[in-house]
Amino acid sequence: MPTANIPAAVSGSSSGWRYYPYPYYQTIGPNGLPITILPPMPPVIMPAVLVPVAVPQPPVPNGGNFGLAGPLPRRGVPVVHAQLPATKKKADPARANQLVTYGDRLFRGGNTRKAEERYEQAARANPSSAAPQVRLAQLALVRGLYSEAADHLRAAQTAEPGWITNVDDVQSIYSEPADFAKQIARLESHLQATPGDRDAWLVLGAQWFLSGRTQKAADIFLRLSDRQPDATLEAFLEASRSNDPAPVR
């Protein structure tokens, strides 16, 4: 066992050596001097020190500044998010026409709910087409919703100005001519009971015009034209005037 000579100041009963925290042994060496035998010192375990390590991060587009036109503002500066332009869906006229055709078949078969779905899909496929709105106006007519029917006619004029002179006979979407006549009779009865319903008069005039009764339609449009202005009414009135027969000389 290894030994160490301890200075006299700390050997024997020295107060400093007495408080040594680990066991030790004393003996007399060959030269008659005291010798202190020390055990091996236990290893000193140092506390772990955490050192931050920078981990590389993947690059972020625009510095992580999503939705902003410039760099991130300093703390305390209010953030104003730029409004990104909405992506406009490209119109699909062929798809819209196909959906209108499907809707017409369902309408003739009496399935107005499914027909309405197809017409609405057609309007979304081609917002610049009047045909889906005209069909939706007919659905509203069948349901007795005359103000809604008038609104769809106005939507048709907004979507496609000039549609009135190019539209097909509206009776063609009905299964039988009598079905169309039934709706007209019910509309006329409503107007007899409620003569001040301007929207219902507009719808009646439109039904006459779109089924080829241009003179009857013109009479209604003229009666309505002395009231509040209506772009759709003006378009129907202009179209009915252009269809007047030329005077005989």
C-alpha atoms as a PDB file:
ATOM      1  CA  MET A   1       0.000   0.000   0.000  1.00  0.00           C
ATOM      2  CA  PRO A   2       1.488   3.383  -0.872  1.00  0.00           C
ATOM      3  CA  THR A   3       2.405   5.711   1.996  1.00  0.00           C
ATOM      4  CA  ALA A   4       2.872   9.431   2.356  1.00  0.00           C
ATOM      5  CA  ASN A   5       4.927  11.376   4.837  1.00  0.00           C
ATOM      6  CA  ILE A   6       2.714  13.906   6.597  1.00  0.00           C
ATOM      7  CA  PRO A   7       4.307  17.143   7.812  1.00  0.00           C
ATOM      8  CA  ALA A   8       4.428  17.556  11.539  1.00  0.00           C
ATOM      9  CA  ALA A   9       1.955  20.402  11.345  1.00  0.00           C
ATOM     10  CA  VAL A  10      -0.786  18.009  10.254  1.00  0.00           C
ATOM     11  CA  SER A  11       0.406  14.634  11.596  1.00  0.00           C
ATOM     12  CA  GLY A  12      -0.576  12.837  14.755  1.00  0.00           C
ATOM     13  CA  SER A  13      -3.139  14.737  16.701  1.00  0.00           C
ATOM     14  CA  SER A  14      -2.900  17.759  14.490  1.00  0.00           C
ATOM     15  CA  SER A  15      -6.266  19.414  14.358  1.00  0.00           C
ATOM     16  CA  GLY A  16      -5.967  19.968  10.615  1.00  0.00           C
ATOM     17  CA  TRP A  17      -5.274  16.337   9.817  1.00  0.00           C
ATOM     18  CA  ARG A  18      -7.914  15.128  12.270  1.00  0.00           C
ATOM     19  CA  TYR A  19     -10.656  16.516  10.005  1.00  0.00           C
ATOM     20  CA  TYR A  20      -9.440  14.699   6.898  1.00  0.00           C
ATOM     21  CA  PRO A  21     -12.742  13.363   5.494  1.00  0.00           C
ATOM     22  CA  TYR A  22     -11.533   9.860   4.541  1.00  0.00           C
ATOM     23  CA  PRO A  23     -10.101   6.962   6.656  1.00  0.00           C
ATOM     24  CA  TYR A  24      -6.320   6.970   7.187  1.00  0.00           C
ATOM     25  CA  TYR A  25      -3.792   4.910   9.197  1.00  0.00           C
ATOM     26  CA  GLN A  26      -0.752   5.967  11.182  1.00  0.00           C
ATOM     27  CA  THR A  27       2.302   3.870  12.095  1.00  0.00           C
ATOM     28  CA  ILE A  28       5.986   4.294  13.000  1.00  0.00           C
ATOM     29  CA  GLY A  29       8.433   4.038  10.217  1.00  0.00           C
ATOM     30  CA  PRO A  30      11.852   2.361  10.311  1.00  0.00           C
ATOM     31  CA  ASN A  31      13.480   5.680  11.143  1.00  0.00           C
ATOM     32  CA  GLY A  32      11.230   6.083  14.180  1.00  0.00           C
ATOM     33  CA  LEU A  33       9.145   8.816  12.594  1.00  0.00           C
ATOM     34  CA  PRO A  34       5.316   8.649  12.291  1.00  0.00           C
ATOM     35  CA  ILE A  35       3.932   7.650   8.905  1.00  0.00           C
ATOM     36  CA  THR A  36       0.341   8.195   7.762  1.00  0.00           C
ATOM     37  CA  ILE A  37      -1.103   5.709   5.270  1.00  0.00           C
ATOM     38  CA  LEU A  38      -3.749   7.245   2.988  1.00  0.00           C
ATOM     39  CA  PRO A  39      -6.286   5.273   0.894  1.00  0.00           C
ATOM     40  CA  PRO A  40      -6.689   6.114  -2.795  1.00  0.00           C
ATOM     41  CA  MET A  41      -8.736   9.302  -3.281  1.00  0.00           C
ATOM     42  CA  PRO A  42     -12.153   8.714  -4.776  1.00  0.00           C
ATOM     43  CA  PRO A  43     -12.635  10.075  -8.303  1.00  0.00           C
ATOM     44  CA  VAL A  44     -14.107  13.556  -8.502  1.00  0.00           C
ATOM     45  CA  ILE A  45     -17.248  13.651 -10.647  1.00  0.00           C
ATOM     46  CA  MET A  46     -17.727  17.019 -12.246  1.00  0.00           C
ATOM     47  CA  PRO A  47     -21.303  18.119 -12.937  1.00  0.00           C
ATOM     48  CA  ALA A  48     -22.359  17.936 -16.573  1.00  0.00           C
ATOM     49  CA  VAL A  49     -22.407  21.232 -18.406  1.00  0.00           C
ATOM     50  CA  LEU A  50     -24.934  21.519 -21.256  1.00  0.00           C
ATOM     51  CA  VAL A  51     -23.505  23.381 -24.170  1.00  0.00           C
ATOM     52  CA  PRO A  52     -26.080  24.609 -26.713  1.00  0.00           C
ATOM     53  CA  VAL A  53     -25.388  23.300 -30.183  1.00  0.00           C
ATOM     54  CA  ALA A  54     -26.774  25.115 -33.207  1.00  0.00           C
ATOM     55  CA  VAL A  55     -28.747  22.699 -35.393  1.00  0.00           C
ATOM     56  CA  PRO A  56     -28.955  23.833 -39.025  1.00  0.00           C
ATOM     57  CA  GLN A  57     -32.548  24.426 -40.160  1.00  0.00           C
ATOM     58  CA  PRO A  58     -33.906  24.125 -43.709  1.00  0.00           C
ATOM     59  CA  PRO A  59     -34.430  27.472 -45.458  1.00  0.00           C
ATOM     60  CA  VAL A  60     -37.943  28.916 -45.155  1.00  0.00           C
ATOM     61  CA  PRO A  61     -39.419  30.792 -48.153  1.00  0.00           C
ATOM     62  CA  ASN A  62     -39.538  34.555 -47.608  1.00  0.00           C
ATOM     63  CA  GLY A  63     -37.857  34.102 -44.239  1.00  0.00           C
ATOM     64  CA  GLY A  64     -40.980  32.527 -42.764  1.00  0.00           C
ATOM     65  CA  ASN A  65     -42.854  35.744 -43.460  1.00  0.00           C
ATOM     66  CA  PHE A  66     -45.925  34.105 -44.962  1.00  0.00           C
ATOM     67  CA  GLY A  67     -48.586  36.421 -46.330  1.00  0.00           C
ATOM     68  CA  LEU A  68     -46.484  39.586 -45.859  1.00  0.00           C
ATOM     69  CA  ALA A  69     -45.178  41.762 -48.623  1.00  0.00           C
ATOM     70  CA  GLY A  70     -41.900  42.623 -46.856  1.00  0.00           C
ATOM     71  CA  PRO A  71     -39.666  41.528 -43.967  1.00  0.00           C
ATOM     72  CA  LEU A  72     -41.044  40.750 -40.529  1.00  0.00           C
ATOM     73  CA  PRO A  73     -41.645  43.939 -38.535  1.00  0.00           C
ATOM     74  CA  ARG A  74     -39.880  44.683 -35.287  1.00  0.00           C
ATOM     75  CA  ARG A  75     -41.547  43.687 -32.027  1.00  0.00           C
ATOM     76  CA  GLY A  76     -44.260  46.125 -31.093  1.00  0.00           C
ATOM     77  CA  VAL A  77     -45.050  47.086 -34.688  1.00  0.00           C
ATOM     78  CA  PRO A  78     -48.529  45.919 -35.786  1.00  0.00           C
ATOM     79  CA  VAL A  79     -48.544  43.325 -38.551  1.00  0.00           C
ATOM     80  CA  VAL A  80     -50.698  44.070 -41.592  1.00  0.00           C
ATOM     81  CA  HIS A  81     -51.286  40.988 -43.711  1.00  0.00           C
ATOM     82  CA  ALA A  82     -51.566  41.526 -47.422  1.00  0.00           C
ATOM     83  CA  GLN A  83     -54.677  40.147 -49.082  1.00  0.00           C
ATOM     84  CA  LEU A  84     -53.649  37.551 -51.623  1.00  0.00           C
ATOM     85  CA  PRO A  85     -55.717  37.704 -54.824  1.00  0.00           C
ATOM     86  CA  ALA A  86     -58.229  34.867 -55.142  1.00  0.00           C
ATOM     87  CA  THR A  87     -57.553  32.425 -57.931  1.00  0.00           C
ATOM     88  CA  LYS A  88     -60.258  32.782 -60.544  1.00  0.00           C
ATOM     89  CA  LYS A  89     -61.475  29.475 -61.869  1.00  0.00           C
ATOM     90  CA  LYS A  90     -61.464  29.203 -65.642  1.00  0.00           C
ATOM     91  CA  ALA A  91     -64.909  29.047 -67.204  1.00  0.00           C
ATOM     92  CA  ASP A  92     -65.915  25.798 -68.878  1.00  0.00           C
ATOM     93  CA  PRO A  93     -68.769  26.577 -71.326  1.00  0.00           C
ATOM     94  CA  ALA A  94     -68.925  23.025 -72.680  1.00  0.00           C
ATOM     95  CA  ARG A  95     -69.335  21.570 -69.207  1.00  0.00           C
ATOM     96  CA  ALA A  96     -71.949  24.217 -68.356  1.00  0.00           C
ATOM     97  CA  ASN A  97     -73.994  23.397 -71.461  1.00  0.00           C
ATOM     98  CA  GLN A  98     -73.826  19.706 -70.622  1.00  0.00           C
ATOM     99  CA  LEU A  99     -75.068  20.341 -67.086  1.00  0.00           C
ATOM    100  CA  VAL A 100     -77.930  22.486 -68.390  1.00  0.00           C
ATOM    101  CA  THR A 101     -78.946  19.636 -70.695  1.00  0.00           C
ATOM    102  CA  TYR A 102     -78.927  17.185 -67.780  1.00  0.00           C
ATOM    103  CA  GLY A 103     -80.940  19.644 -65.719  1.00  0.00           C
ATOM    104  CA  ASP A 104     -83.547  20.007 -68.465  1.00  0.00           C
ATOM    105  CA  ARG A 105     -84.042  16.247 -68.546  1.00  0.00           C
ATOM    106  CA  LEU A 106     -84.535  16.154 -64.803  1.00  0.00           C
ATOM    107  CA  PHE A 107     -86.895  19.125 -64.957  1.00  0.00           C
ATOM    108  CA  ARG A 108     -89.092  17.398 -67.532  1.00  0.00           C
ATOM    109  CA  GLY A 109     -89.104  14.290 -65.381  1.00  0.00           C
ATOM    110  CA  GLY A 110     -90.375  16.268 -62.408  1.00  0.00           C
ATOM    111  CA  ASN A 111     -87.172  15.960 -60.356  1.00  0.00           C
ATOM    112  CA  THR A 112     -86.847  19.655 -59.628  1.00  0.00           C
ATOM    113  CA  ARG A 113     -84.374  19.210 -56.759  1.00  0.00           C
ATOM    114  CA  LYS A 114     -81.802  17.401 -58.884  1.00  0.00           C
ATOM    115  CA  ALA A 115     -82.485  19.769 -61.775  1.00  0.00           C
ATOM    116  CA  GLU A 116     -81.718  22.708 -59.506  1.00  0.00           C
ATOM    117  CA  GLU A 117     -78.386  21.131 -58.516  1.00  0.00           C
ATOM    118  CA  ARG A 118     -77.372  20.732 -62.168  1.00  0.00           C
ATOM    119  CA  TYR A 119     -78.347  24.305 -63.034  1.00  0.00           C
ATOM    120  CA  GLU A 120     -76.371  25.661 -60.079  1.00  0.00           C
ATOM    121  CA  GLN A 121     -73.356  23.587 -61.111  1.00  0.00           C
ATOM    122  CA  ALA A 122     -73.689  24.970 -64.644  1.00  0.00           C
ATOM    123  CA  ALA A 123     -73.771  28.532 -63.296  1.00  0.00           C
ATOM    124  CA  ARG A 124     -70.517  27.887 -61.422  1.00  0.00           C
ATOM    125  CA  ALA A 125     -68.911  26.212 -64.430  1.00  0.00           C
ATOM    126  CA  ASN A 126     -69.644  29.236 -66.627  1.00  0.00           C
ATOM    127  CA  PRO A 127     -70.634  32.367 -64.698  1.00  0.00           C
ATOM    128  CA  SER A 128     -70.892  34.295 -67.976  1.00  0.00           C
ATOM    129  CA  SER A 129     -73.798  32.198 -69.242  1.00  0.00           C
ATOM    130  CA  ALA A 130     -77.429  33.284 -68.831  1.00  0.00           C
ATOM    131  CA  ALA A 131     -78.906  29.833 -69.537  1.00  0.00           C
ATOM    132  CA  PRO A 132     -78.506  28.380 -65.998  1.00  0.00           C
ATOM    133  CA  GLN A 133     -80.096  31.478 -64.467  1.00  0.00           C
ATOM    134  CA  VAL A 134     -83.029  31.331 -66.887  1.00  0.00           C
ATOM    135  CA  ARG A 135     -83.607  27.689 -65.887  1.00  0.00           C
ATOM    136  CA  LEU A 136     -83.427  28.580 -62.211  1.00  0.00           C
ATOM    137  CA  ALA A 137     -86.026  31.268 -62.894  1.00  0.00           C
ATOM    138  CA  GLN A 138     -88.311  28.588 -64.336  1.00  0.00           C
ATOM    139  CA  LEU A 139     -87.824  26.452 -61.240  1.00  0.00           C
ATOM    140  CA  ALA A 140     -88.787  29.412 -59.059  1.00  0.00           C
ATOM    141  CA  LEU A 141     -91.847  29.970 -61.272  1.00  0.00           C
ATOM    142  CA  VAL A 142     -92.963  26.374 -60.790  1.00  0.00           C
ATOM    143  CA  ARG A 143     -92.558  26.790 -57.028  1.00  0.00           C
ATOM    144  CA  GLY A 144     -94.560  30.021 -57.003  1.00  0.00           C
ATOM    145  CA  LEU A 145     -91.531  32.082 -55.920  1.00  0.00           C
ATOM    146  CA  TYR A 146     -91.970  35.002 -58.294  1.00  0.00           C
ATOM    147  CA  SER A 147     -89.554  37.446 -56.664  1.00  0.00           C
ATOM    148  CA  GLU A 148     -86.873  34.748 -56.777  1.00  0.00           C
ATOM    149  CA  ALA A 149     -87.685  34.108 -60.426  1.00  0.00           C
ATOM    150  CA  ALA A 150     -87.283  37.827 -61.180  1.00  0.00           C
ATOM    151  CA  ASP A 151     -83.925  37.860 -59.387  1.00  0.00           C
ATOM    152  CA  HIS A 152     -82.675  34.974 -61.542  1.00  0.00           C
ATOM    153  CA  LEU A 153     -83.736  36.874 -64.666  1.00  0.00           C
ATOM    154  CA  ARG A 154     -81.738  39.862 -63.444  1.00  0.00           C
ATOM    155  CA  ALA A 155     -78.783  37.577 -62.751  1.00  0.00           C
ATOM    156  CA  ALA A 156     -79.023  36.271 -66.313  1.00  0.00           C
ATOM    157  CA  GLN A 157     -78.860  39.829 -67.663  1.00  0.00           C
ATOM    158  CA  THR A 158     -75.833  40.589 -65.474  1.00  0.00           C
ATOM    159  CA  ALA A 159     -74.055  37.384 -66.475  1.00  0.00           C
ATOM    160  CA  GLU A 160     -74.656  37.704 -70.206  1.00  0.00           C
ATOM    161  CA  PRO A 161     -75.957  41.032 -71.507  1.00  0.00           C
ATOM    162  CA  GLY A 162     -77.785  40.502 -74.801  1.00  0.00           C
ATOM    163  CA  TRP A 163     -78.912  36.968 -73.934  1.00  0.00           C
ATOM    164  CA  ILE A 164     -82.575  37.863 -74.454  1.00  0.00           C
ATOM    165  CA  THR A 165     -82.312  37.945 -78.240  1.00  0.00           C
ATOM    166  CA  ASN A 166     -80.461  34.595 -78.419  1.00  0.00           C
ATOM    167  CA  VAL A 167     -82.394  32.413 -75.949  1.00  0.00           C
ATOM    168  CA  ASP A 168     -84.367  29.339 -77.000  1.00  0.00           C
ATOM    169  CA  ASP A 169     -88.106  28.976 -76.490  1.00  0.00           C
ATOM    170  CA  VAL A 170     -88.549  28.602 -72.743  1.00  0.00           C
ATOM    171  CA  GLN A 171     -91.408  26.150 -73.286  1.00  0.00           C
ATOM    172  CA  SER A 172     -88.925  23.601 -74.607  1.00  0.00           C
ATOM    173  CA  ILE A 173     -87.804  22.602 -71.118  1.00  0.00           C
ATOM    174  CA  TYR A 174     -91.342  21.558 -70.142  1.00  0.00           C
ATOM    175  CA  SER A 175     -92.568  18.053 -70.789  1.00  0.00           C
ATOM    176  CA  GLU A 176     -95.828  19.268 -72.354  1.00  0.00           C
ATOM    177  CA  PRO A 177     -97.075  22.694 -73.521  1.00  0.00           C
ATOM    178  CA  ALA A 178     -99.929  22.282 -71.041  1.00  0.00           C
ATOM    179  CA  ASP A 179     -97.406  22.246 -68.187  1.00  0.00           C
ATOM    180  CA  PHE A 180     -96.142  25.665 -69.239  1.00  0.00           C
ATOM    181  CA  ALA A 181     -99.683  26.991 -69.682  1.00  0.00           C
ATOM    182  CA  LYS A 182    -100.541  25.811 -66.178  1.00  0.00           C
ATOM    183  CA  GLN A 183     -97.732  27.875 -64.671  1.00  0.00           C
ATOM    184  CA  ILE A 184     -98.773  30.963 -66.646  1.00  0.00           C
ATOM    185  CA  ALA A 185    -102.378  30.600 -65.485  1.00  0.00           C
ATOM    186  CA  ARG A 186    -101.269  30.331 -61.871  1.00  0.00           C
ATOM    187  CA  LEU A 187     -99.053  33.414 -62.252  1.00  0.00           C
ATOM    188  CA  GLU A 188    -101.915  35.419 -63.772  1.00  0.00           C
ATOM    189  CA  SER A 189    -104.182  34.398 -60.888  1.00  0.00           C
ATOM    190  CA  HIS A 190    -101.537  35.641 -58.461  1.00  0.00           C
ATOM    191  CA  LEU A 191    -101.416  39.006 -60.262  1.00  0.00           C
ATOM    192  CA  GLN A 192    -105.191  39.346 -60.153  1.00  0.00           C
ATOM    193  CA  ALA A 193    -105.010  38.956 -56.385  1.00  0.00           C
ATOM    194  CA  THR A 194    -101.807  41.023 -56.024  1.00  0.00           C
ATOM    195  CA  PRO A 195    -101.696  43.519 -58.914  1.00  0.00           C
ATOM    196  CA  GLY A 196     -98.899  45.533 -57.303  1.00  0.00           C
ATOM    197  CA  ASP A 197     -96.346  42.697 -57.437  1.00  0.00           C
ATOM    198  CA  ARG A 198     -93.809  44.231 -59.805  1.00  0.00           C
ATOM    199  CA  ASP A 199     -91.537  41.177 -59.823  1.00  0.00           C
ATOM    200  CA  ALA A 200     -94.431  38.910 -60.780  1.00  0.00           C
ATOM    201  CA  TRP A 201     -95.318  41.229 -63.702  1.00  0.00           C
ATOM    202  CA  LEU A 202     -91.693  41.151 -64.872  1.00  0.00           C
ATOM    203  CA  VAL A 203     -91.729  37.348 -64.753  1.00  0.00           C
ATOM    204  CA  LEU A 204     -95.015  37.188 -66.706  1.00  0.00           C
ATOM    205  CA  GLY A 205     -93.684  39.532 -69.382  1.00  0.00           C
ATOM    206  CA  ALA A 206     -90.496  37.460 -69.607  1.00  0.00           C
ATOM    207  CA  GLN A 207     -92.519  34.249 -70.007  1.00  0.00           C
ATOM    208  CA  TRP A 208     -94.515  35.761 -72.842  1.00  0.00           C
ATOM    209  CA  PHE A 209     -91.414  37.115 -74.569  1.00  0.00           C
ATOM    210  CA  LEU A 210     -89.330  33.947 -74.156  1.00  0.00           C
ATOM    211  CA  SER A 211     -92.161  31.849 -75.582  1.00  0.00           C
ATOM    212  CA  GLY A 212     -92.626  34.004 -78.681  1.00  0.00           C
ATOM    213  CA  ARG A 213     -95.571  36.183 -77.536  1.00  0.00           C
ATOM    214  CA  THR A 214     -93.611  39.390 -78.019  1.00  0.00           C
ATOM    215  CA  GLN A 215     -96.612  41.718 -78.378  1.00  0.00           C
ATOM    216  CA  LYS A 216     -98.195  40.576 -75.122  1.00  0.00           C
ATOM    217  CA  ALA A 217     -94.819  40.887 -73.470  1.00  0.00           C
ATOM    218  CA  ALA A 218     -94.308  44.417 -74.815  1.00  0.00           C
ATOM    219  CA  ASP A 219     -97.634  45.552 -73.313  1.00  0.00           C
ATOM    220  CA  ILE A 220     -96.511  44.399 -69.865  1.00  0.00           C
ATOM    221  CA  PHE A 221     -93.052  45.929 -70.181  1.00  0.00           C
ATOM    222  CA  LEU A 222     -94.513  49.282 -71.246  1.00  0.00           C
ATOM    223  CA  ARG A 223     -96.779  49.347 -68.200  1.00  0.00           C
ATOM    224  CA  LEU A 224     -93.803  48.665 -65.937  1.00  0.00           C
ATOM    225  CA  SER A 225     -91.409  51.126 -67.595  1.00  0.00           C
ATOM    226  CA  ASP A 226     -93.032  54.220 -66.073  1.00  0.00           C
ATOM    227  CA  ARG A 227     -91.984  53.075 -62.584  1.00  0.00           C
ATOM    228  CA  GLN A 228     -88.580  52.576 -60.998  1.00  0.00           C
ATOM    229  CA  PRO A 229     -85.739  51.788 -63.437  1.00  0.00           C
ATOM    230  CA  ASP A 230     -84.731  48.170 -63.943  1.00  0.00           C
ATOM    231  CA  ALA A 231     -81.899  47.161 -66.283  1.00  0.00           C
ATOM    232  CA  THR A 232     -83.486  43.785 -67.007  1.00  0.00           C
ATOM    233  CA  LEU A 233     -86.837  45.406 -67.783  1.00  0.00           C
ATOM    234  CA  GLU A 234     -85.125  47.868 -70.121  1.00  0.00           C
ATOM    235  CA  ALA A 235     -83.373  45.002 -71.906  1.00  0.00           C
ATOM    236  CA  PHE A 236     -86.671  43.155 -72.399  1.00  0.00           C
ATOM    237  CA  LEU A 237     -88.386  46.347 -73.539  1.00  0.00           C
ATOM    238  CA  GLU A 238     -85.657  47.080 -76.070  1.00  0.00           C
ATOM    239  CA  ALA A 239     -85.761  43.505 -77.364  1.00  0.00           C
ATOM    240  CA  SER A 240     -89.556  43.621 -77.734  1.00  0.00           C
ATOM    241  CA  ARG A 241     -89.320  46.862 -79.695  1.00  0.00           C
ATOM    242  CA  SER A 242     -86.760  45.387 -82.064  1.00  0.00           C
ATOM    243  CA  ASN A 243     -89.151  42.501 -82.744  1.00  0.00           C
ATOM    244  CA  ASP A 244     -92.037  44.745 -83.737  1.00  0.00           C
ATOM    245  CA  PRO A 245     -93.145  44.106 -87.339  1.00  0.00           C
ATOM    246  CA  ALA A 246     -92.184  46.769 -89.833  1.00  0.00           C
ATOM    247  CA  PRO A 247     -95.042  49.142 -90.799  1.00  0.00           C
ATOM    248  CA  VAL A 248     -96.781  48.352 -94.097  1.00  0.00           C
ATOM    249  CA  ARG A 249     -96.519  51.091 -96.734  1.00  0.00           C
END
